Structure formats: structure tokens, C-alpha cells
Amino acid sequence: MYIGSPVPHKKARIEIIPLIDIMFFLLAAFMLASLSMMRLQSIRMNLPTATVAKSNKKPDMVTINVDAVGNMSIEKQSYNVLQLRDLLTAKLKTNALVPVYISGDDQATHGMIIDVLDRVKSYGVQNVSFAISALPGKTQR
């Protein structure tokens, strides 16, 4: 003889919808946690956004040109590391906020430009930017 239970008998089943919600929550939590653990290193720089370069030469502005082999020049006069340090420290004595622009040759590597940037920053210059120019044949939009 079969005696029935007063509670209706149902088959056990696993609900998928709450599990999916929990998995999305865990995924978002782990993504946010991993992004906050990353140590981002960056170099702050002021990059112009113009498509056509304009020369705005100021009397106390220094533009350092770096050629394909890493030689530095200012106004077409070649400078070594010591001469550059002496020039920049002399400019800093007269103007503590002297702007320095670094311009690289097409063949200059990223490492050469960053080396000049590190040197200029180590001399105490605060306003360092990268000078850019428009490509030949490009027109303004």
C-alpha cells in the first residue's frame, strides 16, 4: 500500500537564472579589483592637437631638436649634454618657468627622445612639451 505525503512531491531542480546573476556580479567585482591593483606609469606631457604647425617663437623658449643618431641641437647649433645643462640652468635662473620643447627627427627613436626628456627634467625644468609638425602635403581640415 502507498501512503501519500501531505506535501506534494516535486523533483529537485537547479535554478540557472540566479547563478548567472551571481557569476556576472563576481566577474564585474574581479574586473574592478584587478584594475585597481594595476600600477599605471605614465609621463605627463602637453601635446598640441593642431593639424598644421604654427611657429610661435618666444624669446625665452628653448626648442631641442634630436636627430637620427641622438645628437641634440638648439637653433641649428649642436649641443652636448654638459652644454645643454649649462644653457638650461642659465635660462632657469632668469625664468623659473622657461618652456622647453623637444622635437625629434623622423628617424629618431623613442628611447632617444625619452633620454632627452629625462635629462631636461633632471636639470629642473618644469614645462617640457613635445613639438610636433604637420606632415608635408597635409592640409588643414
N, C-alpha and C. Protein backbone atom coordinates (compact mmCIF):
# COMPACT_ATOMS: atom_id res chain seq x y z
N MET A 1 0.82 -1.14 0.00
CA MET A 1 0.00 0.00 0.00
C MET A 1 0.90 1.25 0.00
N TYR A 2 0.55 2.26 -0.78
CA TYR A 2 1.32 3.50 -0.91
C TYR A 2 0.59 4.59 -0.16
N ILE A 3 1.33 5.19 0.79
CA ILE A 3 0.73 6.27 1.57
C ILE A 3 1.33 7.57 1.06
N GLY A 4 0.53 8.47 0.64
CA GLY A 4 0.98 9.74 0.11
C GLY A 4 1.31 10.74 1.18
N SER A 5 2.19 11.61 0.89
CA SER A 5 2.60 12.66 1.81
C SER A 5 1.66 13.84 1.66
N PRO A 6 1.41 14.59 2.73
CA PRO A 6 0.56 15.78 2.59
C PRO A 6 1.25 16.88 1.79
N VAL A 7 2.59 16.86 1.74
CA VAL A 7 3.33 17.84 0.96
C VAL A 7 3.47 17.28 -0.44
N PRO A 8 3.11 18.05 -1.46
CA PRO A 8 3.26 17.50 -2.81
C PRO A 8 4.73 17.23 -3.13
N HIS A 9 4.96 16.13 -3.82
CA HIS A 9 6.33 15.70 -4.15
C HIS A 9 6.75 16.34 -5.48
N LYS A 10 7.82 17.14 -5.45
CA LYS A 10 8.36 17.77 -6.67
C LYS A 10 9.78 17.28 -6.86
N LYS A 11 10.19 17.24 -8.12
CA LYS A 11 11.58 16.89 -8.41
C LYS A 11 12.46 18.10 -8.12
N ALA A 12 13.64 17.85 -7.56
CA ALA A 12 14.58 18.93 -7.27
C ALA A 12 15.20 19.41 -8.58
N ARG A 13 15.34 20.71 -8.71
CA ARG A 13 16.00 21.24 -9.90
C ARG A 13 16.82 22.47 -9.51
N ILE A 14 17.83 22.73 -10.29
CA ILE A 14 18.73 23.85 -10.03
C ILE A 14 18.27 25.03 -10.87
N GLU A 15 18.08 26.15 -10.22
CA GLU A 15 17.67 27.36 -10.93
C GLU A 15 18.92 28.01 -11.54
N ILE A 16 18.91 28.26 -12.83
CA ILE A 16 20.06 28.79 -13.54
C ILE A 16 20.13 30.32 -13.47
N ILE A 17 19.02 31.00 -13.50
CA ILE A 17 19.00 32.46 -13.56
C ILE A 17 19.74 33.09 -12.37
N PRO A 18 19.51 32.68 -11.13
CA PRO A 18 20.27 33.29 -10.03
C PRO A 18 21.77 32.99 -10.12
N LEU A 19 22.12 31.82 -10.64
CA LEU A 19 23.54 31.50 -10.79
C LEU A 19 24.21 32.40 -11.82
N ILE A 20 23.50 32.70 -12.89
CA ILE A 20 24.06 33.60 -13.91
C ILE A 20 24.24 35.00 -13.32
N ASP A 21 23.27 35.47 -12.56
CA ASP A 21 23.40 36.78 -11.92
C ASP A 21 24.60 36.84 -10.98
N ILE A 22 24.79 35.80 -10.22
CA ILE A 22 25.93 35.76 -9.30
C ILE A 22 27.24 35.74 -10.07
N MET A 23 27.30 34.99 -11.16
CA MET A 23 28.54 34.93 -11.95
C MET A 23 28.86 36.29 -12.58
N PHE A 24 27.85 37.02 -13.07
CA PHE A 24 28.10 38.35 -13.62
C PHE A 24 28.58 39.31 -12.54
N PHE A 25 28.00 39.22 -11.36
CA PHE A 25 28.44 40.06 -10.26
C PHE A 25 29.90 39.76 -9.89
N LEU A 26 30.25 38.48 -9.80
CA LEU A 26 31.64 38.11 -9.48
C LEU A 26 32.60 38.56 -10.57
N LEU A 27 32.20 38.43 -11.83
CA LEU A 27 33.05 38.87 -12.94
C LEU A 27 33.31 40.38 -12.85
N ALA A 28 32.26 41.15 -12.62
CA ALA A 28 32.42 42.60 -12.51
C ALA A 28 33.29 42.96 -11.30
N ALA A 29 33.09 42.28 -10.18
CA ALA A 29 33.88 42.56 -8.98
C ALA A 29 35.35 42.25 -9.21
N PHE A 30 35.65 41.12 -9.84
CA PHE A 30 37.05 40.77 -10.11
C PHE A 30 37.69 41.72 -11.12
N MET A 31 36.93 42.16 -12.11
CA MET A 31 37.48 43.11 -13.08
C MET A 31 37.82 44.44 -12.41
N LEU A 32 36.93 44.94 -11.57
CA LEU A 32 37.20 46.20 -10.87
C LEU A 32 38.37 46.05 -9.91
N ALA A 33 38.43 44.92 -9.23
CA ALA A 33 39.54 44.70 -8.29
C ALA A 33 40.86 44.60 -9.02
N SER A 34 40.89 43.92 -10.17
CA SER A 34 42.15 43.79 -10.91
C SER A 34 42.59 45.11 -11.51
N LEU A 35 41.63 45.96 -11.94
CA LEU A 35 42.00 47.26 -12.48
C LEU A 35 42.56 48.17 -11.39
N SER A 36 42.04 48.06 -10.19
CA SER A 36 42.55 48.90 -9.11
C SER A 36 43.91 48.43 -8.62
N MET A 37 44.28 47.18 -8.88
CA MET A 37 45.59 46.67 -8.46
C MET A 37 46.69 47.00 -9.45
N MET A 38 46.34 47.36 -10.68
CA MET A 38 47.35 47.67 -11.68
C MET A 38 48.03 48.98 -11.34
N ARG A 39 49.34 49.00 -11.47
CA ARG A 39 50.09 50.22 -11.24
C ARG A 39 50.38 50.85 -12.59
N LEU A 40 49.72 51.95 -12.86
CA LEU A 40 49.88 52.61 -14.15
C LEU A 40 51.01 53.62 -14.06
N GLN A 41 51.92 53.55 -15.03
CA GLN A 41 53.01 54.51 -15.10
C GLN A 41 52.81 55.33 -16.35
N SER A 42 52.95 56.62 -16.21
CA SER A 42 52.77 57.47 -17.37
C SER A 42 53.64 58.70 -17.23
N ILE A 43 53.82 59.34 -18.35
CA ILE A 43 54.57 60.58 -18.40
C ILE A 43 53.59 61.66 -18.81
N ARG A 44 53.47 62.68 -17.98
CA ARG A 44 52.54 63.76 -18.30
C ARG A 44 53.21 64.68 -19.31
N MET A 45 52.50 64.95 -20.41
CA MET A 45 53.04 65.85 -21.42
C MET A 45 51.92 66.61 -22.08
N ASN A 46 52.26 67.76 -22.58
CA ASN A 46 51.30 68.61 -23.28
C ASN A 46 51.51 68.45 -24.77
N LEU A 47 50.60 67.78 -25.44
CA LEU A 47 50.73 67.57 -26.87
C LEU A 47 49.75 68.47 -27.61
N PRO A 48 50.24 69.24 -28.57
CA PRO A 48 49.33 70.06 -29.36
C PRO A 48 48.42 69.20 -30.21
N THR A 49 47.22 69.69 -30.48
CA THR A 49 46.27 68.93 -31.28
C THR A 49 46.05 69.52 -32.66
N ALA A 50 46.82 70.53 -33.03
CA ALA A 50 46.64 71.18 -34.33
C ALA A 50 47.16 70.27 -35.44
N THR A 51 46.53 70.37 -36.61
CA THR A 51 46.99 69.59 -37.75
C THR A 51 48.02 70.36 -38.57
N VAL A 52 48.03 71.66 -38.46
CA VAL A 52 49.02 72.48 -39.16
C VAL A 52 49.85 73.18 -38.09
N ALA A 53 51.15 72.98 -38.16
CA ALA A 53 52.02 73.57 -37.15
C ALA A 53 52.24 75.05 -37.42
N LYS A 54 52.21 75.81 -36.34
CA LYS A 54 52.48 77.24 -36.44
C LYS A 54 53.63 77.54 -35.52
N SER A 55 54.51 78.40 -35.96
CA SER A 55 55.66 78.77 -35.15
C SER A 55 55.28 79.94 -34.25
N ASN A 56 55.35 79.70 -32.96
CA ASN A 56 55.10 80.79 -32.01
C ASN A 56 56.36 80.92 -31.16
N LYS A 57 57.36 81.50 -31.74
CA LYS A 57 58.66 81.65 -31.11
C LYS A 57 58.62 82.73 -30.04
N LYS A 58 59.01 82.36 -28.85
CA LYS A 58 59.11 83.31 -27.75
C LYS A 58 60.59 83.48 -27.43
N PRO A 59 60.99 84.62 -26.89
CA PRO A 59 62.41 84.85 -26.66
C PRO A 59 63.02 83.89 -25.64
N ASP A 60 62.26 83.46 -24.65
CA ASP A 60 62.85 82.58 -23.63
C ASP A 60 62.51 81.11 -23.86
N MET A 61 61.92 80.78 -24.99
CA MET A 61 61.54 79.41 -25.30
C MET A 61 62.75 78.65 -25.86
N VAL A 62 62.92 77.40 -25.44
CA VAL A 62 64.02 76.58 -25.91
C VAL A 62 63.44 75.38 -26.65
N THR A 63 63.87 75.19 -27.91
CA THR A 63 63.44 74.04 -28.69
C THR A 63 64.66 73.16 -28.95
N ILE A 64 64.61 71.94 -28.42
CA ILE A 64 65.71 70.98 -28.57
C ILE A 64 65.35 70.03 -29.70
N ASN A 65 66.19 69.98 -30.71
CA ASN A 65 65.99 69.07 -31.83
C ASN A 65 66.88 67.85 -31.64
N VAL A 66 66.32 66.66 -31.83
CA VAL A 66 67.06 65.41 -31.71
C VAL A 66 67.11 64.78 -33.09
N ASP A 67 68.34 64.50 -33.57
CA ASP A 67 68.46 63.92 -34.91
C ASP A 67 68.43 62.39 -34.86
N ALA A 68 68.70 61.76 -36.00
CA ALA A 68 68.56 60.31 -36.13
C ALA A 68 69.54 59.52 -35.28
N VAL A 69 70.68 60.12 -34.93
CA VAL A 69 71.67 59.40 -34.11
C VAL A 69 71.65 59.83 -32.66
N GLY A 70 70.74 60.74 -32.31
CA GLY A 70 70.59 61.15 -30.92
C GLY A 70 71.31 62.42 -30.55
N ASN A 71 71.91 63.12 -31.52
CA ASN A 71 72.58 64.39 -31.24
C ASN A 71 71.54 65.48 -31.01
N MET A 72 71.83 66.36 -30.05
CA MET A 72 70.90 67.44 -29.72
C MET A 72 71.39 68.75 -30.32
N SER A 73 70.45 69.56 -30.78
CA SER A 73 70.79 70.88 -31.30
C SER A 73 69.69 71.86 -30.94
N ILE A 74 70.12 73.11 -30.75
CA ILE A 74 69.19 74.20 -30.47
C ILE A 74 69.50 75.30 -31.46
N GLU A 75 68.48 75.69 -32.23
CA GLU A 75 68.63 76.70 -33.28
C GLU A 75 69.81 76.38 -34.19
N LYS A 76 69.89 75.15 -34.65
CA LYS A 76 70.88 74.63 -35.59
C LYS A 76 72.30 74.67 -35.06
N GLN A 77 72.46 74.78 -33.76
CA GLN A 77 73.77 74.71 -33.13
C GLN A 77 73.81 73.46 -32.27
N SER A 78 74.80 72.62 -32.49
CA SER A 78 74.89 71.35 -31.79
C SER A 78 75.30 71.54 -30.33
N TYR A 79 74.67 70.79 -29.44
CA TYR A 79 74.95 70.85 -28.01
C TYR A 79 75.22 69.44 -27.49
N ASN A 80 76.21 69.35 -26.59
CA ASN A 80 76.37 68.08 -25.88
C ASN A 80 75.62 68.18 -24.56
N VAL A 81 75.71 67.13 -23.75
CA VAL A 81 74.94 67.06 -22.51
C VAL A 81 75.34 68.18 -21.54
N LEU A 82 76.62 68.43 -21.40
CA LEU A 82 77.08 69.46 -20.46
C LEU A 82 76.68 70.86 -20.92
N GLN A 83 76.81 71.12 -22.22
CA GLN A 83 76.42 72.43 -22.73
C GLN A 83 74.92 72.66 -22.58
N LEU A 84 74.14 71.59 -22.80
CA LEU A 84 72.69 71.70 -22.63
C LEU A 84 72.33 71.99 -21.17
N ARG A 85 73.02 71.32 -20.25
CA ARG A 85 72.77 71.57 -18.82
C ARG A 85 73.10 73.01 -18.46
N ASP A 86 74.24 73.50 -18.93
CA ASP A 86 74.63 74.88 -18.63
C ASP A 86 73.63 75.88 -19.20
N LEU A 87 73.19 75.64 -20.44
CA LEU A 87 72.23 76.55 -21.07
C LEU A 87 70.91 76.56 -20.31
N LEU A 88 70.40 75.39 -19.96
CA LEU A 88 69.11 75.33 -19.29
C LEU A 88 69.17 75.88 -17.87
N THR A 89 70.26 75.64 -17.16
CA THR A 89 70.36 76.21 -15.80
C THR A 89 70.47 77.73 -15.86
N ALA A 90 71.16 78.25 -16.89
CA ALA A 90 71.24 79.71 -17.04
C ALA A 90 69.85 80.29 -17.36
N LYS A 91 69.09 79.60 -18.22
CA LYS A 91 67.74 80.06 -18.55
C LYS A 91 66.82 79.98 -17.33
N LEU A 92 67.01 78.94 -16.52
CA LEU A 92 66.17 78.77 -15.33
C LEU A 92 66.43 79.85 -14.28
N LYS A 93 67.65 80.39 -14.25
CA LYS A 93 67.96 81.44 -13.28
C LYS A 93 67.18 82.71 -13.61
N THR A 94 66.98 82.98 -14.91
CA THR A 94 66.25 84.18 -15.30
C THR A 94 64.74 83.97 -15.31
N ASN A 95 64.32 82.75 -15.67
CA ASN A 95 62.89 82.44 -15.73
C ASN A 95 62.69 81.01 -15.24
N ALA A 96 62.07 80.85 -14.07
CA ALA A 96 61.88 79.53 -13.48
C ALA A 96 60.90 78.68 -14.26
N LEU A 97 60.06 79.31 -15.07
CA LEU A 97 59.07 78.58 -15.85
C LEU A 97 59.38 78.61 -17.34
N VAL A 98 60.65 78.51 -17.69
CA VAL A 98 61.05 78.54 -19.09
C VAL A 98 60.46 77.31 -19.80
N PRO A 99 59.77 77.54 -20.94
CA PRO A 99 59.21 76.40 -21.67
C PRO A 99 60.27 75.74 -22.55
N VAL A 100 60.32 74.42 -22.52
CA VAL A 100 61.26 73.66 -23.33
C VAL A 100 60.44 72.71 -24.20
N TYR A 101 60.72 72.74 -25.49
CA TYR A 101 60.06 71.86 -26.45
C TYR A 101 61.08 70.89 -27.01
N ILE A 102 60.71 69.64 -27.11
CA ILE A 102 61.58 68.61 -27.68
C ILE A 102 60.98 68.19 -29.01
N SER A 103 61.80 68.29 -30.04
CA SER A 103 61.37 67.91 -31.38
C SER A 103 62.31 66.84 -31.89
N GLY A 104 61.76 65.79 -32.46
CA GLY A 104 62.59 64.68 -32.92
C GLY A 104 62.56 64.54 -34.43
N ASP A 105 63.66 64.06 -34.97
CA ASP A 105 63.76 63.73 -36.38
C ASP A 105 62.86 62.53 -36.67
N ASP A 106 62.51 62.33 -37.94
CA ASP A 106 61.68 61.18 -38.30
C ASP A 106 62.37 59.86 -37.95
N GLN A 107 63.68 59.85 -38.00
CA GLN A 107 64.43 58.62 -37.74
C GLN A 107 64.86 58.47 -36.28
N ALA A 108 64.60 59.46 -35.45
CA ALA A 108 64.96 59.38 -34.03
C ALA A 108 64.06 58.36 -33.34
N THR A 109 64.66 57.56 -32.47
CA THR A 109 63.88 56.53 -31.78
C THR A 109 63.20 57.11 -30.54
N HIS A 110 62.25 56.38 -30.05
CA HIS A 110 61.52 56.77 -28.85
C HIS A 110 62.47 56.88 -27.67
N GLY A 111 63.44 55.96 -27.58
CA GLY A 111 64.40 55.98 -26.48
C GLY A 111 65.25 57.23 -26.47
N MET A 112 65.63 57.72 -27.63
CA MET A 112 66.43 58.94 -27.71
C MET A 112 65.64 60.14 -27.18
N ILE A 113 64.38 60.23 -27.56
CA ILE A 113 63.54 61.34 -27.14
C ILE A 113 63.30 61.28 -25.63
N ILE A 114 63.04 60.10 -25.10
CA ILE A 114 62.81 59.95 -23.66
C ILE A 114 64.09 60.24 -22.87
N ASP A 115 65.25 59.89 -23.44
CA ASP A 115 66.53 60.21 -22.79
C ASP A 115 66.70 61.73 -22.66
N VAL A 116 66.39 62.47 -23.71
CA VAL A 116 66.48 63.93 -23.66
C VAL A 116 65.45 64.47 -22.67
N LEU A 117 64.24 63.91 -22.66
CA LEU A 117 63.21 64.33 -21.71
C LEU A 117 63.68 64.12 -20.27
N ASP A 118 64.27 62.97 -19.98
CA ASP A 118 64.77 62.70 -18.63
C ASP A 118 65.86 63.67 -18.23
N ARG A 119 66.75 63.95 -19.16
CA ARG A 119 67.84 64.89 -18.86
C ARG A 119 67.29 66.29 -18.56
N VAL A 120 66.37 66.75 -19.38
CA VAL A 120 65.80 68.09 -19.20
C VAL A 120 65.07 68.18 -17.87
N LYS A 121 64.29 67.14 -17.52
CA LYS A 121 63.58 67.13 -16.24
C LYS A 121 64.56 67.08 -15.06
N SER A 122 65.69 66.38 -15.24
CA SER A 122 66.66 66.30 -14.14
C SER A 122 67.37 67.63 -13.91
N TYR A 123 67.39 68.50 -14.91
CA TYR A 123 68.01 69.81 -14.74
C TYR A 123 67.08 70.78 -14.02
N GLY A 124 65.84 70.38 -13.77
CA GLY A 124 64.91 71.22 -13.01
C GLY A 124 63.86 71.94 -13.85
N VAL A 125 63.79 71.64 -15.13
CA VAL A 125 62.80 72.29 -16.00
C VAL A 125 61.44 71.66 -15.73
N GLN A 126 60.43 72.51 -15.51
CA GLN A 126 59.09 72.02 -15.20
C GLN A 126 58.17 71.97 -16.42
N ASN A 127 58.34 72.90 -17.35
CA ASN A 127 57.47 72.98 -18.53
C ASN A 127 58.16 72.35 -19.73
N VAL A 128 57.93 71.06 -19.92
CA VAL A 128 58.51 70.35 -21.06
C VAL A 128 57.38 69.80 -21.90
N SER A 129 57.45 70.04 -23.20
CA SER A 129 56.44 69.55 -24.13
C SER A 129 57.13 68.99 -25.36
N PHE A 130 56.37 68.28 -26.15
CA PHE A 130 56.88 67.76 -27.41
C PHE A 130 56.35 68.62 -28.54
N ALA A 131 57.25 69.12 -29.37
CA ALA A 131 56.86 69.92 -30.52
C ALA A 131 56.56 68.99 -31.68
N ILE A 132 55.44 69.22 -32.35
CA ILE A 132 55.09 68.40 -33.50
C ILE A 132 54.89 69.31 -34.69
N SER A 133 54.99 68.72 -35.87
CA SER A 133 54.74 69.48 -37.08
C SER A 133 53.88 68.64 -38.00
N ALA A 134 53.17 69.30 -38.88
CA ALA A 134 52.28 68.60 -39.82
C ALA A 134 53.13 67.89 -40.85
N LEU A 135 52.60 66.79 -41.37
CA LEU A 135 53.28 66.07 -42.44
C LEU A 135 53.23 66.89 -43.71
N PRO A 136 54.28 66.82 -44.55
CA PRO A 136 54.24 67.56 -45.80
C PRO A 136 53.08 67.09 -46.67
N GLY A 137 52.37 68.03 -47.26
CA GLY A 137 51.25 67.69 -48.12
C GLY A 137 49.92 67.59 -47.40
N LYS A 138 49.93 67.63 -46.09
CA LYS A 138 48.68 67.57 -45.34
C LYS A 138 48.07 68.97 -45.29
N THR A 139 46.79 69.04 -45.44
CA THR A 139 46.10 70.32 -45.37
C THR A 139 45.21 70.34 -44.15
N GLN A 140 44.87 71.53 -43.75
CA GLN A 140 44.00 71.69 -42.58
C GLN A 140 42.58 71.31 -42.95
N ARG A 141 41.89 70.61 -42.04
CA ARG A 141 40.51 70.18 -42.31
C ARG A 141 39.53 71.28 -42.00
